[in-house]
Amino acid sequence: MITLRLQCWQREWVKMNNVISIWAGVVIFLLILGVVGRGDYEHAVAVEHHYCEMVESKAWPAYDRNIKCEE
């Protein structure tokens, strides 16, 4: 009887560990996506800033109508 209860408790513990592992993996995956997305955003801002600097210095024509450079 005690062995049966111990086995049931161990199975529940393994199931709980699997659930915790899955949630930990999901949280880590979302954090990685956030870091990568932030890096992409910062790169896009830097590219737009460089574009505006080059247009203002007349090195490039204003070929991208989607980017509004402040004058």
PDB file of N, CA and C in Angstrom:
ATOM      1  N   MET A   1       0.821  -1.196   0.000  1.00  0.00           N
ATOM      2  CA  MET A   1       0.000   0.000   0.000  1.00  0.00           C
ATOM      3  C   MET A   1       0.869   1.266   0.000  1.00  0.00           C
ATOM      4  N   ILE A   2       1.884   1.267   0.855  1.00  0.00           N
ATOM      5  CA  ILE A   2       2.786   2.429   0.913  1.00  0.00           C
ATOM      6  C   ILE A   2       3.556   2.555  -0.391  1.00  0.00           C
ATOM      7  N   THR A   3       3.971   1.437  -0.971  1.00  0.00           N
ATOM      8  CA  THR A   3       4.698   1.457  -2.237  1.00  0.00           C
ATOM      9  C   THR A   3       3.821   2.035  -3.341  1.00  0.00           C
ATOM     10  N   LEU A   4       2.557   1.665  -3.355  1.00  0.00           N
ATOM     11  CA  LEU A   4       1.635   2.180  -4.360  1.00  0.00           C
ATOM     12  C   LEU A   4       1.465   3.694  -4.218  1.00  0.00           C
ATOM     13  N   ARG A   5       1.326   4.176  -2.993  1.00  0.00           N
ATOM     14  CA  ARG A   5       1.197   5.629  -2.763  1.00  0.00           C
ATOM     15  C   ARG A   5       2.473   6.350  -3.179  1.00  0.00           C
ATOM     16  N   LEU A   6       3.620   5.751  -2.869  1.00  0.00           N
ATOM     17  CA  LEU A   6       4.893   6.356  -3.238  1.00  0.00           C
ATOM     18  C   LEU A   6       5.038   6.434  -4.750  1.00  0.00           C
ATOM     19  N   GLN A   7       4.624   5.394  -5.448  1.00  0.00           N
ATOM     20  CA  GLN A   7       4.699   5.392  -6.901  1.00  0.00           C
ATOM     21  C   GLN A   7       3.772   6.455  -7.494  1.00  0.00           C
ATOM     22  N   CYS A   8       2.587   6.567  -6.951  1.00  0.00           N
ATOM     23  CA  CYS A   8       1.645   7.593  -7.429  1.00  0.00           C
ATOM     24  C   CYS A   8       2.209   8.985  -7.184  1.00  0.00           C
ATOM     25  N   TRP A   9       2.795   9.210  -6.026  1.00  0.00           N
ATOM     26  CA  TRP A   9       3.373  10.509  -5.698  1.00  0.00           C
ATOM     27  C   TRP A   9       4.538  10.829  -6.626  1.00  0.00           C
ATOM     28  N   GLN A  10       5.356   9.812  -6.933  1.00  0.00           N
ATOM     29  CA  GLN A  10       6.489  10.024  -7.835  1.00  0.00           C
ATOM     30  C   GLN A  10       6.007  10.371  -9.244  1.00  0.00           C
ATOM     31  N   ARG A  11       4.941   9.706  -9.696  1.00  0.00           N
ATOM     32  CA  ARG A  11       4.397  10.026 -11.026  1.00  0.00           C
ATOM     33  C   ARG A  11       3.883  11.463 -11.072  1.00  0.00           C
ATOM     34  N   GLU A  12       3.199  11.882 -10.041  1.00  0.00           N
ATOM     35  CA  GLU A  12       2.697  13.256  -9.986  1.00  0.00           C
ATOM     36  C   GLU A  12       3.864  14.250  -9.957  1.00  0.00           C
ATOM     37  N   TRP A  13       4.900  13.917  -9.234  1.00  0.00           N
ATOM     38  CA  TRP A  13       6.078  14.788  -9.146  1.00  0.00           C
ATOM     39  C   TRP A  13       6.741  14.927 -10.515  1.00  0.00           C
ATOM     40  N   VAL A  14       6.847  13.817 -11.250  1.00  0.00           N
ATOM     41  CA  VAL A  14       7.428  13.847 -12.589  1.00  0.00           C
ATOM     42  C   VAL A  14       6.558  14.691 -13.516  1.00  0.00           C
ATOM     43  N   LYS A  15       5.237  14.541 -13.432  1.00  0.00           N
ATOM     44  CA  LYS A  15       4.334  15.346 -14.255  1.00  0.00           C
ATOM     45  C   LYS A  15       4.486  16.826 -13.931  1.00  0.00           C
ATOM     46  N   MET A  16       4.606  17.163 -12.639  1.00  0.00           N
ATOM     47  CA  MET A  16       4.760  18.555 -12.229  1.00  0.00           C
ATOM     48  C   MET A  16       6.088  19.109 -12.735  1.00  0.00           C
ATOM     49  N   ASN A  17       7.144  18.309 -12.667  1.00  0.00           N
ATOM     50  CA  ASN A  17       8.441  18.752 -13.173  1.00  0.00           C
ATOM     51  C   ASN A  17       8.382  18.995 -14.674  1.00  0.00           C
ATOM     52  N   ASN A  18       7.657  18.147 -15.397  1.00  0.00           N
ATOM     53  CA  ASN A  18       7.512  18.354 -16.841  1.00  0.00           C
ATOM     54  C   ASN A  18       6.761  19.647 -17.132  1.00  0.00           C
ATOM     55  N   VAL A  19       5.716  19.932 -16.392  1.00  0.00           N
ATOM     56  CA  VAL A  19       4.950  21.167 -16.591  1.00  0.00           C
ATOM     57  C   VAL A  19       5.816  22.383 -16.285  1.00  0.00           C
ATOM     58  N   ILE A  20       6.570  22.318 -15.206  1.00  0.00           N
ATOM     59  CA  ILE A  20       7.452  23.436 -14.852  1.00  0.00           C
ATOM     60  C   ILE A  20       8.516  23.632 -15.925  1.00  0.00           C
ATOM     61  N   SER A  21       9.080  22.536 -16.425  1.00  0.00           N
ATOM     62  CA  SER A  21      10.098  22.622 -17.477  1.00  0.00           C
ATOM     63  C   SER A  21       9.531  23.235 -18.748  1.00  0.00           C
ATOM     64  N   ILE A  22       8.323  22.858 -19.094  1.00  0.00           N
ATOM     65  CA  ILE A  22       7.697  23.413 -20.299  1.00  0.00           C
ATOM     66  C   ILE A  22       7.468  24.916 -20.132  1.00  0.00           C
ATOM     67  N   TRP A  23       6.935  25.326 -18.986  1.00  0.00           N
ATOM     68  CA  TRP A  23       6.699  26.758 -18.763  1.00  0.00           C
ATOM     69  C   TRP A  23       8.005  27.539 -18.710  1.00  0.00           C
ATOM     70  N   ALA A  24       9.030  26.962 -18.111  1.00  0.00           N
ATOM     71  CA  ALA A  24      10.339  27.632 -18.079  1.00  0.00           C
ATOM     72  C   ALA A  24      10.874  27.799 -19.497  1.00  0.00           C
ATOM     73  N   GLY A  25      10.701  26.780 -20.325  1.00  0.00           N
ATOM     74  CA  GLY A  25      11.135  26.874 -21.721  1.00  0.00           C
ATOM     75  C   GLY A  25      10.375  27.939 -22.486  1.00  0.00           C
ATOM     76  N   VAL A  26       9.087  28.037 -22.241  1.00  0.00           N
ATOM     77  CA  VAL A  26       8.272  29.055 -22.914  1.00  0.00           C
ATOM     78  C   VAL A  26       8.719  30.457 -22.500  1.00  0.00           C
ATOM     79  N   VAL A  27       8.954  30.648 -21.222  1.00  0.00           N
ATOM     80  CA  VAL A  27       9.386  31.967 -20.728  1.00  0.00           C
ATOM     81  C   VAL A  27      10.745  32.335 -21.313  1.00  0.00           C
ATOM     82  N   ILE A  28      11.675  31.386 -21.338  1.00  0.00           N
ATOM     83  CA  ILE A  28      13.006  31.654 -21.897  1.00  0.00           C
ATOM     84  C   ILE A  28      12.896  31.972 -23.383  1.00  0.00           C
ATOM     85  N   PHE A  29      12.054  31.237 -24.109  1.00  0.00           N
ATOM     86  CA  PHE A  29      11.859  31.487 -25.533  1.00  0.00           C
ATOM     87  C   PHE A  29      11.309  32.893 -25.775  1.00  0.00           C
ATOM     88  N   LEU A  30      10.337  33.308 -24.969  1.00  0.00           N
ATOM     89  CA  LEU A  30       9.772  34.656 -25.123  1.00  0.00           C
ATOM     90  C   LEU A  30      10.793  35.737 -24.793  1.00  0.00           C
ATOM     91  N   LEU A  31      11.623  35.502 -23.805  1.00  0.00           N
ATOM     92  CA  LEU A  31      12.679  36.460 -23.486  1.00  0.00           C
ATOM     93  C   LEU A  31      13.667  36.589 -24.635  1.00  0.00           C
ATOM     94  N   ILE A  32      14.026  35.473 -25.240  1.00  0.00           N
ATOM     95  CA  ILE A  32      14.939  35.517 -26.385  1.00  0.00           C
ATOM     96  C   ILE A  32      14.310  36.285 -27.539  1.00  0.00           C
ATOM     97  N   LEU A  33      13.037  36.038 -27.805  1.00  0.00           N
ATOM     98  CA  LEU A  33      12.350  36.784 -28.862  1.00  0.00           C
ATOM     99  C   LEU A  33      12.340  38.283 -28.569  1.00  0.00           C
ATOM    100  N   GLY A  34      12.141  38.641 -27.310  1.00  0.00           N
ATOM    101  CA  GLY A  34      12.149  40.058 -26.939  1.00  0.00           C
ATOM    102  C   GLY A  34      13.497  40.706 -27.170  1.00  0.00           C
ATOM    103  N   VAL A  35      14.568  40.007 -26.817  1.00  0.00           N
ATOM    104  CA  VAL A  35      15.917  40.548 -27.004  1.00  0.00           C
ATOM    105  C   VAL A  35      16.224  40.705 -28.492  1.00  0.00           C
ATOM    106  N   VAL A  36      15.887  39.698 -29.277  1.00  0.00           N
ATOM    107  CA  VAL A  36      16.141  39.756 -30.716  1.00  0.00           C
ATOM    108  C   VAL A  36      15.304  40.855 -31.359  1.00  0.00           C
ATOM    109  N   GLY A  37      14.046  40.977 -30.965  1.00  0.00           N
ATOM    110  CA  GLY A  37      13.187  42.018 -31.512  1.00  0.00           C
ATOM    111  C   GLY A  37      13.690  43.408 -31.170  1.00  0.00           C
ATOM    112  N   ARG A  38      14.201  43.558 -29.958  1.00  0.00           N
ATOM    113  CA  ARG A  38      14.757  44.858 -29.550  1.00  0.00           C
ATOM    114  C   ARG A  38      15.977  45.215 -30.398  1.00  0.00           C
ATOM    115  N   GLY A  39      16.811  44.221 -30.673  1.00  0.00           N
ATOM    116  CA  GLY A  39      17.996  44.447 -31.511  1.00  0.00           C
ATOM    117  C   GLY A  39      17.611  44.842 -32.924  1.00  0.00           C
ATOM    118  N   ASP A  40      16.586  44.186 -33.475  1.00  0.00           N
ATOM    119  CA  ASP A  40      16.102  44.543 -34.814  1.00  0.00           C
ATOM    120  C   ASP A  40      15.582  45.970 -34.841  1.00  0.00           C
ATOM    121  N   TYR A  41      14.849  46.361 -33.812  1.00  0.00           N
ATOM    122  CA  TYR A  41      14.311  47.718 -33.738  1.00  0.00           C
ATOM    123  C   TYR A  41      15.441  48.749 -33.681  1.00  0.00           C
ATOM    124  N   GLU A  42      16.429  48.493 -32.828  1.00  0.00           N
ATOM    125  CA  GLU A  42      17.547  49.435 -32.704  1.00  0.00           C
ATOM    126  C   GLU A  42      18.321  49.551 -34.015  1.00  0.00           C
ATOM    127  N   HIS A  43      18.469  48.448 -34.732  1.00  0.00           N
ATOM    128  CA  HIS A  43      19.151  48.484 -36.026  1.00  0.00           C
ATOM    129  C   HIS A  43      18.352  49.309 -37.035  1.00  0.00           C
ATOM    130  N   ALA A  44      17.047  49.130 -37.066  1.00  0.00           N
ATOM    131  CA  ALA A  44      16.206  49.888 -38.000  1.00  0.00           C
ATOM    132  C   ALA A  44      16.268  51.387 -37.711  1.00  0.00           C
ATOM    133  N   VAL A  45      16.278  51.759 -36.440  1.00  0.00           N
ATOM    134  CA  VAL A  45      16.391  53.173 -36.071  1.00  0.00           C
ATOM    135  C   VAL A  45      17.742  53.730 -36.509  1.00  0.00           C
ATOM    136  N   ALA A  46      18.802  52.963 -36.325  1.00  0.00           N
ATOM    137  CA  ALA A  46      20.141  53.412 -36.726  1.00  0.00           C
ATOM    138  C   ALA A  46      20.232  53.576 -38.242  1.00  0.00           C
ATOM    139  N   VAL A  47      19.628  52.660 -38.985  1.00  0.00           N
ATOM    140  CA  VAL A  47      19.640  52.761 -40.452  1.00  0.00           C
ATOM    141  C   VAL A  47      18.876  53.999 -40.902  1.00  0.00           C
ATOM    142  N   GLU A  48      17.726  54.257 -40.282  1.00  0.00           N
ATOM    143  CA  GLU A  48      16.946  55.439 -40.647  1.00  0.00           C
ATOM    144  C   GLU A  48      17.701  56.725 -40.307  1.00  0.00           C
ATOM    145  N   HIS A  49      18.370  56.746 -39.183  1.00  0.00           N
ATOM    146  CA  HIS A  49      19.163  57.918 -38.791  1.00  0.00           C
ATOM    147  C   HIS A  49      20.292  58.158 -39.787  1.00  0.00           C
ATOM    148  N   HIS A  50      20.966  57.085 -40.200  1.00  0.00           N
ATOM    149  CA  HIS A  50      22.050  57.207 -41.177  1.00  0.00           C
ATOM    150  C   HIS A  50      21.511  57.716 -42.513  1.00  0.00           C
ATOM    151  N   TYR A  51      20.352  57.201 -42.926  1.00  0.00           N
ATOM    152  CA  TYR A  51      19.728  57.648 -44.163  1.00  0.00           C
ATOM    153  C   TYR A  51      19.457  59.158 -44.109  1.00  0.00           C
ATOM    154  N   CYS A  52      18.884  59.619 -42.990  1.00  0.00           N
ATOM    155  CA  CYS A  52      18.575  61.047 -42.863  1.00  0.00           C
ATOM    156  C   CYS A  52      19.845  61.897 -42.873  1.00  0.00           C
ATOM    157  N   GLU A  53      20.898  61.417 -42.225  1.00  0.00           N
ATOM    158  CA  GLU A  53      22.168  62.163 -42.253  1.00  0.00           C
ATOM    159  C   GLU A  53      22.711  62.270 -43.677  1.00  0.00           C
ATOM    160  N   MET A  54      22.633  61.181 -44.435  1.00  0.00           N
ATOM    161  CA  MET A  54      23.155  61.198 -45.794  1.00  0.00           C
ATOM    162  C   MET A  54      22.309  62.074 -46.705  1.00  0.00           C
ATOM    163  N   VAL A  55      20.988  62.093 -46.504  1.00  0.00           N
ATOM    164  CA  VAL A  55      20.113  62.948 -47.318  1.00  0.00           C
ATOM    165  C   VAL A  55      20.357  64.410 -46.978  1.00  0.00           C
ATOM    166  N   GLU A  56      20.509  64.719 -45.680  1.00  0.00           N
ATOM    167  CA  GLU A  56      20.743  66.112 -45.276  1.00  0.00           C
ATOM    168  C   GLU A  56      22.081  66.638 -45.783  1.00  0.00           C
ATOM    169  N   SER A  57      23.080  65.774 -45.898  1.00  0.00           N
ATOM    170  CA  SER A  57      24.384  66.222 -46.393  1.00  0.00           C
ATOM    171  C   SER A  57      24.445  66.195 -47.918  1.00  0.00           C
ATOM    172  N   LYS A  58      23.335  65.871 -48.556  1.00  0.00           N
ATOM    173  CA  LYS A  58      23.201  65.818 -50.016  1.00  0.00           C
ATOM    174  C   LYS A  58      24.081  64.739 -50.654  1.00  0.00           C
ATOM    175  N   ALA A  59      24.489  63.737 -49.880  1.00  0.00           N
ATOM    176  CA  ALA A  59      25.261  62.625 -50.435  1.00  0.00           C
ATOM    177  C   ALA A  59      24.336  61.636 -51.139  1.00  0.00           C
ATOM    178  N   TRP A  60      23.115  61.513 -50.648  1.00  0.00           N
ATOM    179  CA  TRP A  60      22.123  60.622 -51.251  1.00  0.00           C
ATOM    180  C   TRP A  60      20.885  61.430 -51.604  1.00  0.00           C
ATOM    181  N   PRO A  61      20.172  61.033 -52.665  1.00  0.00           N
ATOM    182  CA  PRO A  61      18.871  61.644 -52.908  1.00  0.00           C
ATOM    183  C   PRO A  61      17.843  61.029 -51.949  1.00  0.00           C
ATOM    184  N   ALA A  62      16.774  61.746 -51.740  1.00  0.00           N
ATOM    185  CA  ALA A  62      15.708  61.247 -50.860  1.00  0.00           C
ATOM    186  C   ALA A  62      14.854  60.264 -51.648  1.00  0.00           C
ATOM    187  N   TYR A  63      15.309  59.022 -51.714  1.00  0.00           N
ATOM    188  CA  TYR A  63      14.640  58.011 -52.533  1.00  0.00           C
ATOM    189  C   TYR A  63      13.574  57.216 -51.775  1.00  0.00           C
ATOM    190  N   ASP A  64      13.576  57.278 -50.479  1.00  0.00           N
ATOM    191  CA  ASP A  64      12.615  56.495 -49.673  1.00  0.00           C
ATOM    192  C   ASP A  64      11.550  57.437 -49.136  1.00  0.00           C
ATOM    193  N   ARG A  65      10.355  57.360 -49.701  1.00  0.00           N
ATOM    194  CA  ARG A  65       9.273  58.259 -49.273  1.00  0.00           C
ATOM    195  C   ARG A  65       8.677  57.844 -47.936  1.00  0.00           C
ATOM    196  N   ASN A  66       8.955  56.624 -47.460  1.00  0.00           N
ATOM    197  CA  ASN A  66       8.424  56.150 -46.186  1.00  0.00           C
ATOM    198  C   ASN A  66       9.171  56.746 -44.991  1.00  0.00           C
ATOM    199  N   ILE A  67      10.372  57.235 -45.237  1.00  0.00           N
ATOM    200  CA  ILE A  67      11.167  57.811 -44.130  1.00  0.00           C
ATOM    201  C   ILE A  67      11.015  59.326 -44.199  1.00  0.00           C
ATOM    202  N   LYS A  68      10.540  59.895 -43.133  1.00  0.00           N
ATOM    203  CA  LYS A  68      10.351  61.352 -43.039  1.00  0.00           C
ATOM    204  C   LYS A  68      11.486  61.921 -42.186  1.00  0.00           C
ATOM    205  N   CYS A  69      12.411  62.584 -42.824  1.00  0.00           N
ATOM    206  CA  CYS A  69      13.518  63.221 -42.116  1.00  0.00           C
ATOM    207  C   CYS A  69      13.106  64.631 -41.726  1.00  0.00           C
ATOM    208  N   GLU A  70      13.388  64.982 -40.472  1.00  0.00           N
ATOM    209  CA  GLU A  70      13.082  66.329 -40.004  1.00  0.00           C
ATOM    210  C   GLU A  70      14.111  67.296 -40.579  1.00  0.00           C
ATOM    211  N   GLU A  71      13.627  68.439 -41.009  1.00  0.00           N
ATOM    212  CA  GLU A  71      14.538  69.427 -41.607  1.00  0.00           C
ATOM    213  C   GLU A  71      14.720  70.599 -40.709  1.00  0.00           C
TER     214      GLU A  71
END
